C-alpha atoms as a PDB file:
ATOM      1  CA  MET A   1       2.087  -6.173  -5.508  1.00  0.00           C
ATOM      2  CA  THR A   2       2.171  -4.731  -2.013  1.00  0.00           C
ATOM      3  CA  LEU A   3       2.558  -1.039  -1.344  1.00  0.00           C
ATOM      4  CA  ARG A   4       5.974  -1.731   0.174  1.00  0.00           C
ATOM      5  CA  GLU A   5       7.063  -3.619  -2.970  1.00  0.00           C
ATOM      6  CA  TYR A   6       5.827  -0.773  -5.158  1.00  0.00           C
ATOM      7  CA  MET A   7       7.737   1.771  -3.081  1.00  0.00           C
ATOM      8  CA  THR A   8      10.933  -0.299  -3.225  1.00  0.00           C
ATOM      9  CA  LYS A   9      10.642  -0.888  -6.971  1.00  0.00           C
ATOM     10  CA  ASN A  10      10.112   2.834  -7.597  1.00  0.00           C
ATOM     11  CA  ASN A  11      12.613   4.074  -5.000  1.00  0.00           C
ATOM     12  CA  LEU A  12       9.946   5.948  -3.036  1.00  0.00           C
ATOM     13  CA  ARG A  13      10.154   6.934   0.594  1.00  0.00           C
ATOM     14  CA  GLN A  14       7.197   6.968   2.970  1.00  0.00           C
ATOM     15  CA  VAL A  15       7.018  10.742   2.692  1.00  0.00           C
ATOM     16  CA  ASP A  16       6.857  10.495  -1.118  1.00  0.00           C
ATOM     17  CA  ILE A  17       3.891   8.131  -1.133  1.00  0.00           C
ATOM     18  CA  ALA A  18       2.244  10.095   1.674  1.00  0.00           C
ATOM     19  CA  ARG A  19       2.308  13.215  -0.517  1.00  0.00           C
ATOM     20  CA  ARG A  20       0.801  11.317  -3.448  1.00  0.00           C
ATOM     21  CA  LEU A  21      -1.974   9.969  -1.243  1.00  0.00           C
ATOM     22  CA  GLU A  22      -2.452  13.227   0.682  1.00  0.00           C
ATOM     23  CA  ILE A  23      -2.026  11.488   4.045  1.00  0.00           C
ATOM     24  CA  GLY A  24       0.546  11.753   6.800  1.00  0.00           C
ATOM     25  CA  GLN A  25       3.759   9.732   6.825  1.00  0.00           C
ATOM     26  CA  GLY A  26       2.576   8.028  10.018  1.00  0.00           C
ATOM     27  CA  HIS A  27      -0.484   6.740   8.184  1.00  0.00           C
ATOM     28  CA  VAL A  28       1.776   5.246   5.504  1.00  0.00           C
ATOM     29  CA  SER A  29       3.761   3.541   8.259  1.00  0.00           C
ATOM     30  CA  HIS A  30       0.546   1.967   9.577  1.00  0.00           C
ATOM     31  CA  LEU A  31      -0.302   0.715   6.077  1.00  0.00           C
ATOM     32  CA  LEU A  32       3.148  -0.794   5.620  1.00  0.00           C
ATOM     33  CA  ASN A  33       3.008  -2.550   8.976  1.00  0.00           C
ATOM     34  CA  ASP A  34      -0.379  -4.169   8.260  1.00  0.00           C
ATOM     35  CA  ARG A  35      -2.261  -2.499  11.067  1.00  0.00           C
ATOM     36  CA  GLY A  36      -5.569  -3.062   9.319  1.00  0.00           C
ATOM     37  CA  PRO A  37      -6.813  -2.454   5.812  1.00  0.00           C
ATOM     38  CA  PRO A  38      -7.173   1.098   4.521  1.00  0.00           C
ATOM     39  CA  SER A  39     -10.586   2.642   3.954  1.00  0.00           C
ATOM     40  CA  ALA A  40     -12.271   2.134   0.590  1.00  0.00           C
ATOM     41  CA  ASP A  41     -11.410   5.727  -0.345  1.00  0.00           C
ATOM     42  CA  LEU A  42      -7.753   5.263   0.518  1.00  0.00           C
ATOM     43  CA  MET A  43      -7.616   1.956  -1.367  1.00  0.00           C
ATOM     44  CA  ARG A  44      -8.929   3.793  -4.414  1.00  0.00           C
ATOM     45  CA  ARG A  45      -6.288   6.537  -4.024  1.00  0.00           C
ATOM     46  CA  ILE A  46      -3.511   3.951  -3.642  1.00  0.00           C
ATOM     47  CA  TYR A  47      -4.706   2.209  -6.803  1.00  0.00           C
ATOM     48  CA  TRP A  48      -4.653   5.459  -8.817  1.00  0.00           C
ATOM     49  CA  ALA A  49      -1.406   6.759  -7.261  1.00  0.00           C
ATOM     50  CA  THR A  50       0.360   3.509  -8.183  1.00  0.00           C
ATOM     51  CA  GLU A  51      -1.199   3.420 -11.664  1.00  0.00           C
ATOM     52  CA  GLY A  52      -2.952   0.165 -10.804  1.00  0.00           C
ATOM     53  CA  ALA A  53       0.157  -1.645  -9.593  1.00  0.00           C
ATOM     54  CA  VAL A  54      -1.266  -1.987  -6.066  1.00  0.00           C
ATOM     55  CA  THR A  55      -4.872  -3.179  -6.093  1.00  0.00           C
ATOM     56  CA  PRO A  56      -7.409  -3.340  -3.260  1.00  0.00           C
ATOM     57  CA  ASN A  57      -6.992  -7.141  -3.294  1.00  0.00           C
ATOM     58  CA  ASP A  58      -3.272  -6.688  -2.647  1.00  0.00           C
ATOM     59  CA  MET A  59      -4.080  -4.687   0.476  1.00  0.00           C
ATOM     60  CA  PHE A  60      -7.053  -6.561   1.812  1.00  0.00           C
ATOM     61  CA  LEU A  61      -7.501 -10.231   0.977  1.00  0.00           C
ATOM     62  CA  LEU A  62      -4.347 -11.937   2.204  1.00  0.00           C
ATOM     63  CA  PRO A  63      -2.046 -11.023   5.071  1.00  0.00           C
ATOM     64  CA  PRO A  64       1.653 -10.911   4.092  1.00  0.00           C
ATOM     65  CA  ARG A  65       2.602 -14.387   5.362  1.00  0.00           C
ATOM     66  CA  SER A  66      -0.371 -16.008   3.628  1.00  0.00           C
ATOM     67  CA  ARG A  67       0.400 -14.080   0.436  1.00  0.00           C
ATOM     68  CA  GLU A  68       3.929 -15.515   0.349  1.00  0.00           C
ATOM     69  CA  ALA A  69       2.648 -19.055   0.905  1.00  0.00           C
ATOM     70  CA  ALA A  70       0.111 -18.653  -1.930  1.00  0.00           C
ATOM     71  CA  GLU A  71       2.812 -17.742  -4.454  1.00  0.00           C
END
């Protein structure tokens, strides 16, 4: 599951997830727009903040278009 999908499913805004991750809303925007993978530390925080729904593989291995084609 992507971070965007998690946010939609749980009715979270960028500012909500930013608070959980202790980062700025602008940083969340960068994550959602695939401007490069997050650091290992941030991947770990995303995993814990989403209770494992968003894994490092979800954020790193496949770009969005490839992910859709693989499903």
